[in-house]
Amino acid sequence: MHAQVPQYLEVEDKIIGPLTLKQFLYLLLGGGIIFLLYTILKLPVFIIVAMPIALFVVLLAFYKKDNQKFTRFVANFLKFISRPNIYIWKKSVPPKTEEEPMPKIIQKTAGLKQPEASKLKEAQWKMEIQK
């Protein structure tokens, strides 16, 4: 049994003419708000108030920048202004560790006793003596 896998999952379906359902609903809601303002306000005030609303609705429905919808931009902007914008920079200082001082140059002498230590210290001791 073979099933077809949709190829374009990112593309929304065009439902009403060249518009997707979201675009149609944005335009319908914006048109309803503008019509309501038209019935309430006088013409000069209506034009001043309706123009920004119409622009915002058209941006919501159609505008994309860098393949990102305007609705996503608005959501990110609202998150940004609603959160506190306090940036604190703390310089991280590494904890101080007591480092062993650099070993002094040991002269070759015969008959020196080896200090009791780990194998790494033994190897270091042998290398310094054999120089």
N, C-alpha and C. Protein backbone atom coordinates (compact mmCIF):
# COMPACT_ATOMS: atom_id res chain seq x y z
N MET A 1 0.84 -1.18 0.00
CA MET A 1 0.00 0.00 0.00
C MET A 1 0.89 1.24 0.00
N HIS A 2 0.74 2.07 -0.99
CA HIS A 2 1.54 3.28 -1.13
C HIS A 2 0.70 4.49 -0.74
N ALA A 3 1.32 5.40 -0.04
CA ALA A 3 0.64 6.63 0.36
C ALA A 3 1.45 7.81 -0.15
N GLN A 4 0.77 8.82 -0.60
CA GLN A 4 1.45 10.02 -1.07
C GLN A 4 1.81 10.89 0.13
N VAL A 5 3.04 11.37 0.13
CA VAL A 5 3.50 12.27 1.18
C VAL A 5 3.47 13.69 0.63
N PRO A 6 2.83 14.61 1.34
CA PRO A 6 2.80 15.99 0.86
C PRO A 6 4.21 16.56 0.75
N GLN A 7 4.46 17.30 -0.31
CA GLN A 7 5.79 17.83 -0.56
C GLN A 7 5.99 19.23 0.04
N TYR A 8 4.97 20.03 0.06
CA TYR A 8 5.09 21.41 0.50
C TYR A 8 4.33 21.60 1.81
N LEU A 9 4.96 21.22 2.90
CA LEU A 9 4.32 21.33 4.21
C LEU A 9 4.35 22.76 4.74
N GLU A 10 5.27 23.56 4.29
CA GLU A 10 5.42 24.93 4.77
C GLU A 10 4.40 25.88 4.14
N VAL A 11 3.84 25.52 3.00
CA VAL A 11 2.94 26.40 2.26
C VAL A 11 1.51 26.17 2.75
N GLU A 12 0.86 27.29 3.14
CA GLU A 12 -0.52 27.18 3.60
C GLU A 12 -1.45 27.08 2.39
N ASP A 13 -2.56 26.43 2.59
CA ASP A 13 -3.54 26.25 1.51
C ASP A 13 -4.27 27.56 1.23
N LYS A 14 -4.48 27.83 -0.05
CA LYS A 14 -5.26 28.99 -0.46
C LYS A 14 -6.73 28.58 -0.44
N ILE A 15 -7.48 29.16 0.47
CA ILE A 15 -8.87 28.74 0.64
C ILE A 15 -9.83 29.70 -0.03
N ILE A 16 -9.64 30.99 0.18
CA ILE A 16 -10.56 31.98 -0.36
C ILE A 16 -9.82 32.80 -1.40
N GLY A 17 -9.96 32.42 -2.65
CA GLY A 17 -9.25 33.10 -3.73
C GLY A 17 -7.75 32.93 -3.55
N PRO A 18 -7.00 34.03 -3.64
CA PRO A 18 -5.55 33.94 -3.46
C PRO A 18 -5.13 34.06 -1.99
N LEU A 19 -6.10 34.05 -1.07
CA LEU A 19 -5.82 34.26 0.34
C LEU A 19 -5.88 32.96 1.14
N THR A 20 -5.02 32.88 2.13
CA THR A 20 -5.13 31.76 3.07
C THR A 20 -6.21 32.11 4.09
N LEU A 21 -6.56 31.16 4.91
CA LEU A 21 -7.60 31.39 5.90
C LEU A 21 -7.17 32.47 6.90
N LYS A 22 -5.92 32.43 7.34
CA LYS A 22 -5.43 33.44 8.29
C LYS A 22 -5.49 34.84 7.68
N GLN A 23 -5.03 34.97 6.44
CA GLN A 23 -5.05 36.27 5.79
C GLN A 23 -6.48 36.79 5.68
N PHE A 24 -7.39 35.92 5.30
CA PHE A 24 -8.79 36.32 5.16
C PHE A 24 -9.37 36.77 6.50
N LEU A 25 -9.05 36.03 7.57
CA LEU A 25 -9.58 36.41 8.88
C LEU A 25 -8.98 37.72 9.38
N TYR A 26 -7.67 37.96 9.13
CA TYR A 26 -7.08 39.24 9.50
C TYR A 26 -7.78 40.39 8.77
N LEU A 27 -7.98 40.23 7.47
CA LEU A 27 -8.63 41.29 6.69
C LEU A 27 -10.09 41.48 7.10
N LEU A 28 -10.77 40.39 7.42
CA LEU A 28 -12.17 40.47 7.85
C LEU A 28 -12.27 41.19 9.19
N LEU A 29 -11.42 40.84 10.13
CA LEU A 29 -11.44 41.48 11.44
C LEU A 29 -11.06 42.96 11.32
N GLY A 30 -10.02 43.26 10.55
CA GLY A 30 -9.63 44.66 10.35
C GLY A 30 -10.73 45.46 9.67
N GLY A 31 -11.36 44.88 8.66
CA GLY A 31 -12.46 45.58 7.98
C GLY A 31 -13.63 45.81 8.91
N GLY A 32 -13.92 44.85 9.78
CA GLY A 32 -15.00 45.02 10.76
C GLY A 32 -14.70 46.14 11.74
N ILE A 33 -13.47 46.22 12.21
CA ILE A 33 -13.10 47.29 13.14
C ILE A 33 -13.17 48.64 12.44
N ILE A 34 -12.71 48.71 11.20
CA ILE A 34 -12.75 49.98 10.46
C ILE A 34 -14.19 50.38 10.17
N PHE A 35 -15.05 49.44 9.85
CA PHE A 35 -16.47 49.74 9.61
C PHE A 35 -17.13 50.26 10.89
N LEU A 36 -16.80 49.64 12.02
CA LEU A 36 -17.34 50.08 13.31
C LEU A 36 -16.88 51.51 13.62
N LEU A 37 -15.62 51.80 13.35
CA LEU A 37 -15.12 53.17 13.56
C LEU A 37 -15.80 54.16 12.62
N TYR A 38 -16.10 53.74 11.40
CA TYR A 38 -16.77 54.60 10.42
C TYR A 38 -18.16 55.01 10.91
N THR A 39 -18.83 54.08 11.55
CA THR A 39 -20.19 54.40 12.03
C THR A 39 -20.15 55.27 13.28
N ILE A 40 -19.08 55.19 14.05
CA ILE A 40 -19.02 55.93 15.32
C ILE A 40 -18.39 57.33 15.14
N LEU A 41 -17.31 57.43 14.39
CA LEU A 41 -16.53 58.66 14.32
C LEU A 41 -16.92 59.52 13.12
N LYS A 42 -16.57 60.81 13.23
CA LYS A 42 -16.76 61.71 12.10
C LYS A 42 -15.65 61.47 11.09
N LEU A 43 -15.84 61.89 9.85
CA LEU A 43 -14.94 61.55 8.75
C LEU A 43 -13.48 61.95 8.97
N PRO A 44 -13.15 63.19 9.37
CA PRO A 44 -11.72 63.52 9.53
C PRO A 44 -11.04 62.68 10.63
N VAL A 45 -11.73 62.46 11.74
CA VAL A 45 -11.17 61.66 12.82
C VAL A 45 -11.08 60.20 12.38
N PHE A 46 -12.09 59.74 11.65
CA PHE A 46 -12.10 58.36 11.17
C PHE A 46 -10.88 58.08 10.29
N ILE A 47 -10.57 59.00 9.38
CA ILE A 47 -9.45 58.80 8.47
C ILE A 47 -8.13 58.72 9.26
N ILE A 48 -7.98 59.58 10.26
CA ILE A 48 -6.76 59.59 11.06
C ILE A 48 -6.62 58.29 11.85
N VAL A 49 -7.71 57.77 12.37
CA VAL A 49 -7.66 56.56 13.18
C VAL A 49 -7.61 55.29 12.31
N ALA A 50 -8.29 55.29 11.19
CA ALA A 50 -8.42 54.10 10.36
C ALA A 50 -7.16 53.78 9.56
N MET A 51 -6.39 54.80 9.18
CA MET A 51 -5.21 54.54 8.37
C MET A 51 -4.17 53.65 9.08
N PRO A 52 -3.80 53.93 10.34
CA PRO A 52 -2.84 53.03 11.00
C PRO A 52 -3.40 51.62 11.20
N ILE A 53 -4.71 51.54 11.47
CA ILE A 53 -5.32 50.21 11.65
C ILE A 53 -5.28 49.44 10.34
N ALA A 54 -5.61 50.09 9.23
CA ALA A 54 -5.60 49.43 7.93
C ALA A 54 -4.17 48.99 7.57
N LEU A 55 -3.20 49.84 7.83
CA LEU A 55 -1.81 49.49 7.55
C LEU A 55 -1.37 48.28 8.39
N PHE A 56 -1.72 48.27 9.67
CA PHE A 56 -1.36 47.16 10.55
C PHE A 56 -2.01 45.86 10.08
N VAL A 57 -3.26 45.92 9.68
CA VAL A 57 -3.97 44.72 9.21
C VAL A 57 -3.35 44.19 7.92
N VAL A 58 -3.01 45.07 7.00
CA VAL A 58 -2.38 44.65 5.75
C VAL A 58 -1.01 44.03 6.03
N LEU A 59 -0.25 44.62 6.96
CA LEU A 59 1.04 44.04 7.34
C LEU A 59 0.86 42.65 7.95
N LEU A 60 -0.13 42.51 8.82
CA LEU A 60 -0.38 41.19 9.41
C LEU A 60 -0.72 40.15 8.35
N ALA A 61 -1.48 40.55 7.38
CA ALA A 61 -1.94 39.59 6.38
C ALA A 61 -0.87 39.23 5.34
N PHE A 62 -0.06 40.21 4.90
CA PHE A 62 0.78 39.97 3.73
C PHE A 62 2.29 40.12 3.92
N TYR A 63 2.74 40.88 4.88
CA TYR A 63 4.15 41.24 4.97
C TYR A 63 5.00 40.10 5.51
N LYS A 64 6.11 39.84 4.83
CA LYS A 64 7.11 38.88 5.27
C LYS A 64 8.48 39.51 5.09
N LYS A 65 9.34 39.34 6.10
CA LYS A 65 10.70 39.81 5.97
C LYS A 65 11.61 38.68 6.42
N ASP A 66 12.61 38.37 5.61
CA ASP A 66 13.54 37.28 5.88
C ASP A 66 12.79 35.98 6.14
N ASN A 67 11.75 35.75 5.38
CA ASN A 67 10.93 34.54 5.45
C ASN A 67 10.29 34.36 6.83
N GLN A 68 10.01 35.49 7.50
CA GLN A 68 9.36 35.46 8.80
C GLN A 68 8.12 36.35 8.72
N LYS A 69 7.00 35.82 9.17
CA LYS A 69 5.75 36.57 9.08
C LYS A 69 5.73 37.72 10.06
N PHE A 70 4.92 38.72 9.75
CA PHE A 70 4.80 39.91 10.60
C PHE A 70 4.18 39.56 11.95
N THR A 71 3.33 38.56 11.99
CA THR A 71 2.74 38.14 13.26
C THR A 71 3.81 37.65 14.23
N ARG A 72 4.79 36.97 13.72
CA ARG A 72 5.90 36.50 14.56
C ARG A 72 6.71 37.68 15.09
N PHE A 73 6.91 38.68 14.22
CA PHE A 73 7.61 39.89 14.64
C PHE A 73 6.86 40.60 15.76
N VAL A 74 5.55 40.71 15.62
CA VAL A 74 4.74 41.38 16.64
C VAL A 74 4.80 40.60 17.96
N ALA A 75 4.72 39.28 17.89
CA ALA A 75 4.79 38.46 19.11
C ALA A 75 6.15 38.62 19.79
N ASN A 76 7.23 38.62 19.03
CA ASN A 76 8.56 38.81 19.61
C ASN A 76 8.72 40.21 20.21
N PHE A 77 8.14 41.21 19.55
CA PHE A 77 8.21 42.57 20.07
C PHE A 77 7.45 42.70 21.38
N LEU A 78 6.27 42.10 21.47
CA LEU A 78 5.50 42.15 22.71
C LEU A 78 6.21 41.42 23.85
N LYS A 79 6.86 40.31 23.54
CA LYS A 79 7.65 39.61 24.57
C LYS A 79 8.79 40.49 25.05
N PHE A 80 9.44 41.18 24.12
CA PHE A 80 10.58 42.01 24.47
C PHE A 80 10.19 43.16 25.38
N ILE A 81 9.08 43.84 25.07
CA ILE A 81 8.71 44.99 25.90
C ILE A 81 8.05 44.57 27.21
N SER A 82 7.55 43.35 27.31
CA SER A 82 6.89 42.93 28.54
C SER A 82 7.87 42.38 29.57
N ARG A 83 9.04 41.93 29.16
CA ARG A 83 10.02 41.39 30.08
C ARG A 83 10.93 42.51 30.58
N PRO A 84 11.45 42.36 31.79
CA PRO A 84 12.40 43.38 32.26
C PRO A 84 13.70 43.30 31.47
N ASN A 85 14.22 44.45 31.12
CA ASN A 85 15.44 44.51 30.32
C ASN A 85 16.62 44.91 31.20
N ILE A 86 17.00 44.03 32.08
CA ILE A 86 18.14 44.29 32.94
C ILE A 86 19.24 43.33 32.52
N TYR A 87 20.33 43.90 32.09
CA TYR A 87 21.46 43.10 31.66
C TYR A 87 22.60 43.29 32.66
N ILE A 88 23.02 42.23 33.26
CA ILE A 88 24.10 42.30 34.25
C ILE A 88 25.27 41.51 33.71
N TRP A 89 26.40 42.15 33.70
CA TRP A 89 27.60 41.48 33.23
C TRP A 89 28.52 41.32 34.41
N LYS A 90 28.87 40.10 34.67
CA LYS A 90 29.80 39.81 35.75
C LYS A 90 31.05 39.19 35.15
N LYS A 91 32.16 39.80 35.47
CA LYS A 91 33.41 39.26 34.98
C LYS A 91 33.73 38.02 35.78
N SER A 92 33.89 36.92 35.10
CA SER A 92 34.18 35.69 35.82
C SER A 92 35.67 35.63 36.10
N VAL A 93 35.98 35.49 37.36
CA VAL A 93 37.37 35.41 37.79
C VAL A 93 37.64 33.96 38.17
N PRO A 94 38.63 33.36 37.56
CA PRO A 94 38.90 31.97 37.91
C PRO A 94 39.39 31.88 39.35
N PRO A 95 39.01 30.84 40.04
CA PRO A 95 39.45 30.72 41.44
C PRO A 95 40.96 30.59 41.51
N LYS A 96 41.51 31.20 42.54
CA LYS A 96 42.95 31.18 42.71
C LYS A 96 43.37 29.82 43.25
N THR A 97 44.35 29.26 42.62
CA THR A 97 44.89 27.99 43.09
C THR A 97 46.34 28.22 43.45
N GLU A 98 46.75 27.53 44.46
CA GLU A 98 48.15 27.66 44.86
C GLU A 98 48.99 26.83 43.91
N GLU A 99 49.80 27.51 43.16
CA GLU A 99 50.65 26.82 42.21
C GLU A 99 52.01 26.58 42.85
N GLU A 100 52.57 25.47 42.51
CA GLU A 100 53.91 25.17 43.02
C GLU A 100 54.89 26.09 42.30
N PRO A 101 55.84 26.61 43.04
CA PRO A 101 56.82 27.46 42.37
C PRO A 101 57.63 26.63 41.38
N MET A 102 58.17 27.31 40.41
CA MET A 102 58.96 26.63 39.39
C MET A 102 60.13 25.91 40.07
N PRO A 103 60.40 24.68 39.68
CA PRO A 103 61.50 23.97 40.33
C PRO A 103 62.84 24.62 40.00
N LYS A 104 63.68 24.64 40.99
CA LYS A 104 65.01 25.21 40.78
C LYS A 104 65.86 24.23 39.99
N ILE A 105 66.81 24.75 39.30
CA ILE A 105 67.70 23.90 38.51
C ILE A 105 68.57 23.12 39.49
N ILE A 106 68.52 21.82 39.34
CA ILE A 106 69.29 20.95 40.22
C ILE A 106 70.55 20.54 39.49
N GLN A 107 71.65 20.72 40.17
CA GLN A 107 72.92 20.33 39.56
C GLN A 107 73.09 18.83 39.69
N LYS A 108 73.80 18.26 38.72
CA LYS A 108 74.05 16.83 38.76
C LYS A 108 75.02 16.51 39.90
N THR A 109 74.54 15.71 40.75
CA THR A 109 75.40 15.26 41.83
C THR A 109 75.19 13.78 42.01
N ALA A 110 76.23 13.13 42.37
CA ALA A 110 76.13 11.69 42.57
C ALA A 110 75.69 11.41 43.99
N GLY A 111 74.93 10.36 44.16
CA GLY A 111 74.55 9.92 45.49
C GLY A 111 73.37 10.66 46.09
N LEU A 112 72.58 11.37 45.27
CA LEU A 112 71.40 12.02 45.81
C LEU A 112 70.31 10.99 46.06
N LYS A 113 69.59 11.19 47.13
CA LYS A 113 68.49 10.29 47.43
C LYS A 113 67.26 10.77 46.67
N GLN A 114 66.51 9.81 46.27
CA GLN A 114 65.28 10.11 45.56
C GLN A 114 64.17 10.37 46.58
N PRO A 115 63.38 11.45 46.43
CA PRO A 115 62.28 11.66 47.37
C PRO A 115 61.17 10.65 47.12
N GLU A 116 60.46 10.31 48.15
CA GLU A 116 59.35 9.38 48.00
C GLU A 116 58.16 10.15 47.42
N ALA A 117 57.67 9.74 46.27
CA ALA A 117 56.57 10.44 45.63
C ALA A 117 55.92 9.51 44.62
N SER A 118 55.07 10.06 43.84
CA SER A 118 54.36 9.26 42.84
C SER A 118 55.29 8.93 41.68
N LYS A 119 54.81 8.09 40.80
CA LYS A 119 55.63 7.67 39.66
C LYS A 119 55.96 8.84 38.73
N LEU A 120 55.05 9.80 38.67
CA LEU A 120 55.29 10.96 37.83
C LEU A 120 56.46 11.78 38.40
N LYS A 121 56.46 11.94 39.69
CA LYS A 121 57.56 12.67 40.33
C LYS A 121 58.87 11.89 40.17
N GLU A 122 58.79 10.56 40.25
CA GLU A 122 59.98 9.74 40.06
C GLU A 122 60.54 9.94 38.66
N ALA A 123 59.67 9.94 37.65
CA ALA A 123 60.12 10.13 36.28
C ALA A 123 60.75 11.51 36.11
N GLN A 124 60.13 12.52 36.73
CA GLN A 124 60.67 13.87 36.65
C GLN A 124 62.05 13.93 37.31
N TRP A 125 62.18 13.30 38.44
CA TRP A 125 63.45 13.29 39.17
C TRP A 125 64.54 12.64 38.34
N LYS A 126 64.19 11.51 37.68
CA LYS A 126 65.17 10.80 36.86
C LYS A 126 65.59 11.66 35.68
N MET A 127 64.66 12.36 35.08
CA MET A 127 64.98 13.20 33.93
C MET A 127 65.90 14.34 34.31
N GLU A 128 65.67 14.95 35.49
CA GLU A 128 66.50 16.06 35.91
C GLU A 128 67.91 15.59 36.26
N ILE A 129 68.01 14.40 36.83
CA ILE A 129 69.31 13.89 37.22
C ILE A 129 70.11 13.48 35.99
N GLN A 130 69.46 12.97 34.97
CA GLN A 130 70.16 12.42 33.81
C GLN A 130 70.53 13.48 32.79
N LYS A 131 70.24 14.72 33.02
CA LYS A 131 70.54 15.77 32.05
C LYS A 131 72.01 15.91 31.80
